[in-house]
Amino acid sequence: MSNIAGSDSLVLQDEASLHAVPFGGRLRVDHGLAAREALTAGRGHGPAHQWLVDDLLADGRLEVILPAYSLPSVPLSMLIVPERAGIARVRLLVDFLAEQIGDIPGN
C-alpha cells in the first residue's frame, strides 16, 4: 500500500514475537480494493485484512501462504463531534458498531 508509512517492510507476528521483513515490488496500490483485485488476478502476493478477502479464501481463489503468522492489529477509531455525542441516534450507532466489531473476520 503506497499510502501507508513503512510499507516497504512487512511486520509479521507469531506466538512469540514480531518480525519485520523487507517487502517491495513493482506493483504498488493505494486502496485495499485495488490490492484485492491484483491478488485475485495473480499479480503477486501481499498482506491483506481477512475481512477484505475472506470470501476469496473461502472459495479457494486465494490461499494463505504463511499460516503460522498474522498481521499486527490495526487500531480502529470513531470520531464524533463532541456536541453530538449525547444525541440518541449517534449513541445507538456507536453502541451498535462497538457490538458488531467482534464479528468482523480476522478480528
Protein backbone atom coordinates (compact mmCIF):
# COMPACT_ATOMS: atom_id res chain seq x y z
CA MET A 1 0.00 0.00 0.00
CA SER A 2 1.81 3.07 -1.23
CA ASN A 3 -0.10 5.46 1.02
CA ILE A 4 0.98 3.83 4.30
CA ALA A 5 4.20 4.89 6.01
CA GLY A 6 6.57 1.96 6.39
CA SER A 7 5.01 -0.07 3.59
CA ASP A 8 8.49 -1.06 2.42
CA SER A 9 8.59 -3.64 5.21
CA LEU A 10 6.11 -6.26 6.31
CA VAL A 11 5.58 -6.86 10.02
CA LEU A 12 4.51 -10.40 10.82
CA GLN A 13 3.52 -11.71 14.22
CA ASP A 14 3.76 -15.23 15.55
CA GLU A 15 3.00 -16.53 19.03
CA ALA A 16 6.29 -15.24 20.44
CA SER A 17 7.30 -12.06 18.64
CA LEU A 18 7.12 -9.58 15.79
CA HIS A 19 9.27 -9.92 12.68
CA ALA A 20 9.97 -7.04 10.27
CA VAL A 21 10.75 -8.27 6.76
CA PRO A 22 11.76 -6.07 3.80
CA PHE A 23 8.85 -6.05 1.37
CA GLY A 24 8.60 -4.43 -2.02
CA GLY A 25 7.72 -4.99 -5.61
CA ARG A 26 6.89 -3.34 -8.88
CA LEU A 27 3.15 -3.06 -8.29
CA ARG A 28 2.08 -0.62 -5.59
CA VAL A 29 -1.50 0.41 -4.96
CA ASP A 30 -3.13 2.87 -2.59
CA HIS A 31 -6.50 1.22 -1.98
CA GLY A 32 -7.47 -2.09 -0.41
CA LEU A 33 -9.87 -3.00 -3.21
CA ALA A 34 -7.11 -2.46 -5.78
CA ALA A 35 -4.87 -4.79 -3.77
CA ARG A 36 -7.71 -7.34 -3.62
CA GLU A 37 -8.15 -7.22 -7.40
CA ALA A 38 -4.40 -7.54 -8.01
CA LEU A 39 -4.17 -10.56 -5.70
CA THR A 40 -7.20 -12.17 -7.35
CA ALA A 41 -5.65 -11.61 -10.79
CA GLY A 42 -2.50 -13.44 -9.69
CA ARG A 43 -0.30 -10.33 -9.76
CA GLY A 44 1.75 -11.45 -6.76
CA HIS A 45 1.44 -11.87 -3.02
CA GLY A 46 0.93 -9.47 -0.19
CA PRO A 47 -0.73 -8.82 3.14
CA ALA A 48 -4.48 -8.33 3.30
CA HIS A 49 -7.01 -7.89 6.05
CA GLN A 50 -9.04 -11.06 6.40
CA TRP A 51 -12.36 -9.18 6.21
CA LEU A 52 -11.31 -7.90 2.76
CA VAL A 53 -10.52 -11.33 1.30
CA ASP A 54 -12.43 -13.85 3.43
CA ASP A 55 -14.77 -14.73 0.55
CA LEU A 56 -11.80 -15.30 -1.79
CA LEU A 57 -10.14 -17.56 0.79
CA ALA A 58 -13.36 -19.49 1.36
CA ASP A 59 -13.89 -20.29 -2.32
CA GLY A 60 -10.22 -21.07 -2.98
CA ARG A 61 -9.36 -18.13 -5.24
CA LEU A 62 -6.67 -17.07 -2.72
CA GLU A 63 -4.67 -19.07 -0.22
CA VAL A 64 -2.74 -18.20 2.91
CA ILE A 65 0.98 -18.73 2.38
CA LEU A 66 2.26 -18.14 5.95
CA PRO A 67 -0.46 -19.61 8.18
CA ALA A 68 1.69 -19.50 11.34
CA TYR A 69 1.91 -15.70 11.11
CA SER A 70 -0.59 -12.87 11.26
CA LEU A 71 -0.52 -9.13 10.79
CA PRO A 72 -0.48 -6.96 13.90
CA SER A 73 -3.81 -5.47 14.89
CA VAL A 74 -4.83 -2.18 13.32
CA PRO A 75 -6.46 0.37 15.61
CA LEU A 76 -9.96 1.49 14.73
CA SER A 77 -11.18 4.87 15.85
CA MET A 78 -14.54 6.56 15.64
CA LEU A 79 -14.60 10.33 15.64
CA ILE A 80 -17.70 12.02 17.00
CA VAL A 81 -18.34 15.73 17.18
CA PRO A 82 -18.49 16.36 20.95
CA GLU A 83 -21.77 18.27 20.71
CA ARG A 84 -23.41 15.26 19.04
CA ALA A 85 -22.18 12.54 21.40
CA GLY A 86 -25.31 12.86 23.53
CA ILE A 87 -27.77 12.51 20.63
CA ALA A 88 -29.69 9.24 20.91
CA ARG A 89 -29.23 8.15 17.28
CA VAL A 90 -25.47 8.79 17.49
CA ARG A 91 -25.20 6.83 20.74
CA LEU A 92 -27.23 3.98 19.21
CA LEU A 93 -24.90 3.85 16.23
CA VAL A 94 -21.79 3.86 18.43
CA ASP A 95 -23.22 1.07 20.59
CA PHE A 96 -24.23 -0.97 17.53
CA LEU A 97 -20.81 -0.64 15.88
CA ALA A 98 -19.00 -1.49 19.12
CA GLU A 99 -21.13 -4.62 19.45
CA GLN A 100 -20.67 -5.71 15.82
CA ILE A 101 -16.91 -5.12 15.55
CA GLY A 102 -16.20 -8.52 17.11
CA ASP A 103 -17.94 -10.27 14.21
CA ILE A 104 -15.57 -8.91 11.56
CA PRO A 105 -13.45 -11.79 10.19
CA GLY A 106 -9.88 -11.69 11.43
CA ASN A 107 -10.74 -9.57 14.45
